[in-house]
Amino acid sequence: MYHWTDQKIRVHTFYCMLGISLLQYIYKKAQAAWAGLSMEQLIEELEQIMQFAVLYPPQDEKGPNRVALVLSKETLAQQGLAKQLGLDATSRLILRNSRKLPLVRARAGKARTPEA
């Protein structure tokens, strides 16, 4: 931890506790889909889900770039976890128009901007 002031230390502690609480909540919900699932297995399965941004050229000269966000193929375990956690197909596959380049999720929790 690289914080020295009391306020920044409190905020850092809050974020850590929030992350732990969220992970515990997801873990308890995932137990219904996969009995005997360890926390390490849950994190590993969720890290393997990848999202790609497919960039299409504009339909006309002045139109915006078309972007489709597509998920990688999921294993049966990942499909069960997604269903139990309420991640339906419409929230996982998003089609949108954008003039800006989107963030591409390389792995869960790690984002990078696409190369031009």
Protein backbone atom coordinates (compact mmCIF):
# COMPACT_ATOMS: atom_id res chain seq x y z
CA MET A 1 0.00 0.00 0.00
CA TYR A 2 1.47 3.35 -1.03
CA HIS A 3 -0.68 5.75 1.01
CA TRP A 4 0.45 7.91 3.90
CA THR A 5 -2.51 10.10 4.85
CA ASP A 6 -5.22 8.76 7.13
CA GLN A 7 -7.98 9.50 4.60
CA LYS A 8 -6.27 7.61 1.77
CA ILE A 9 -5.54 4.65 4.05
CA ARG A 10 -9.23 4.54 5.07
CA VAL A 11 -10.37 4.66 1.44
CA HIS A 12 -7.91 1.91 0.48
CA THR A 13 -9.17 -0.25 3.36
CA PHE A 14 -12.76 0.39 2.30
CA TYR A 15 -12.02 -0.71 -1.28
CA CYS A 16 -10.28 -3.86 -0.05
CA MET A 17 -13.22 -4.78 2.18
CA LEU A 18 -15.70 -3.99 -0.60
CA GLY A 19 -13.79 -6.29 -2.97
CA ILE A 20 -13.68 -9.10 -0.43
CA SER A 21 -17.40 -8.71 0.30
CA LEU A 22 -18.28 -8.76 -3.40
CA LEU A 23 -16.15 -11.84 -4.00
CA GLN A 24 -17.80 -13.64 -1.05
CA TYR A 25 -21.26 -12.73 -2.40
CA ILE A 26 -20.43 -14.07 -5.86
CA TYR A 27 -18.86 -17.19 -4.33
CA LYS A 28 -21.99 -17.97 -2.29
CA LYS A 29 -24.22 -17.52 -5.36
CA ALA A 30 -21.90 -19.71 -7.46
CA GLN A 31 -22.08 -22.54 -4.90
CA ALA A 32 -25.65 -23.24 -6.08
CA ALA A 33 -24.43 -23.85 -9.63
CA TRP A 34 -21.33 -25.85 -8.73
CA ALA A 35 -21.25 -27.62 -5.36
CA GLY A 36 -17.78 -28.00 -3.92
CA LEU A 37 -16.37 -25.11 -5.96
CA SER A 38 -13.34 -23.52 -4.32
CA MET A 39 -12.64 -19.80 -4.41
CA GLU A 40 -9.54 -20.47 -6.55
CA GLN A 41 -11.58 -22.49 -9.08
CA LEU A 42 -14.20 -19.73 -9.26
CA ILE A 43 -11.61 -17.06 -9.94
CA GLU A 44 -9.87 -19.27 -12.53
CA GLU A 45 -13.12 -19.99 -14.40
CA LEU A 46 -14.14 -16.33 -14.42
CA GLU A 47 -10.67 -15.21 -15.55
CA GLN A 48 -10.92 -17.45 -18.61
CA ILE A 49 -13.97 -15.58 -19.91
CA MET A 50 -12.68 -13.10 -22.46
CA GLN A 51 -14.43 -10.33 -24.37
CA PHE A 52 -13.30 -9.08 -27.77
CA ALA A 53 -14.16 -5.88 -29.61
CA VAL A 54 -14.72 -6.46 -33.32
CA LEU A 55 -14.37 -3.17 -35.22
CA TYR A 56 -16.31 -2.80 -38.47
CA PRO A 57 -15.86 0.04 -40.97
CA PRO A 58 -18.58 2.70 -41.17
CA GLN A 59 -21.55 1.95 -43.45
CA ASP A 60 -21.14 5.25 -45.25
CA GLU A 61 -18.33 7.82 -45.47
CA LYS A 62 -19.46 9.94 -42.51
CA GLY A 63 -20.94 7.23 -40.33
CA PRO A 64 -19.54 6.12 -37.01
CA ASN A 65 -17.42 3.03 -36.57
CA ARG A 66 -19.44 -0.04 -35.72
CA VAL A 67 -18.28 -2.06 -32.73
CA ALA A 68 -19.44 -5.50 -31.63
CA LEU A 69 -18.35 -6.82 -28.22
CA VAL A 70 -18.22 -10.62 -28.36
CA LEU A 71 -17.42 -13.14 -25.63
CA SER A 72 -15.16 -16.14 -26.09
CA LYS A 73 -16.66 -19.62 -26.07
CA GLU A 74 -17.68 -20.70 -22.59
CA THR A 75 -17.23 -24.08 -20.99
CA LEU A 76 -20.22 -25.84 -19.44
CA ALA A 77 -19.00 -24.75 -16.00
CA GLN A 78 -18.77 -21.13 -17.13
CA GLN A 79 -22.27 -21.32 -18.66
CA GLY A 80 -23.65 -22.66 -15.37
CA LEU A 81 -21.92 -19.91 -13.40
CA ALA A 82 -23.19 -17.23 -15.78
CA LYS A 83 -26.73 -18.53 -15.46
CA GLN A 84 -26.55 -18.70 -11.66
CA LEU A 85 -25.01 -15.22 -11.40
CA GLY A 86 -27.71 -13.72 -13.64
CA LEU A 87 -25.47 -12.87 -16.59
CA ASP A 88 -27.93 -13.37 -19.44
CA ALA A 89 -26.87 -13.42 -23.09
CA THR A 90 -28.17 -9.91 -23.83
CA SER A 91 -25.99 -8.37 -21.13
CA ARG A 92 -22.96 -10.36 -22.27
CA LEU A 93 -23.16 -9.56 -26.00
CA ILE A 94 -23.46 -5.84 -26.67
CA LEU A 95 -23.73 -4.29 -30.10
CA ARG A 96 -23.27 -0.54 -30.28
CA ASN A 97 -22.15 2.30 -32.51
CA SER A 98 -19.24 4.42 -31.35
CA ARG A 99 -16.83 7.00 -32.71
CA LYS A 100 -14.38 6.23 -29.89
CA LEU A 101 -12.40 3.04 -29.57
CA PRO A 102 -13.77 0.93 -26.72
CA LEU A 103 -11.86 -0.73 -23.92
CA VAL A 104 -11.15 -4.37 -24.70
CA ARG A 105 -11.35 -6.77 -21.78
CA ALA A 106 -8.29 -8.97 -22.09
CA ARG A 107 -9.08 -10.86 -18.90
CA ALA A 108 -11.55 -10.24 -16.13
CA GLY A 109 -10.49 -7.14 -14.27
CA LYS A 110 -7.74 -6.17 -16.73
CA ALA A 111 -8.59 -3.73 -19.50
CA ARG A 112 -6.46 -2.34 -22.31
CA THR A 113 -7.14 -0.05 -25.23
CA PRO A 114 -7.08 -1.65 -28.69
CA GLU A 115 -4.19 -0.95 -31.00
CA ALA A 116 -4.97 1.43 -33.88
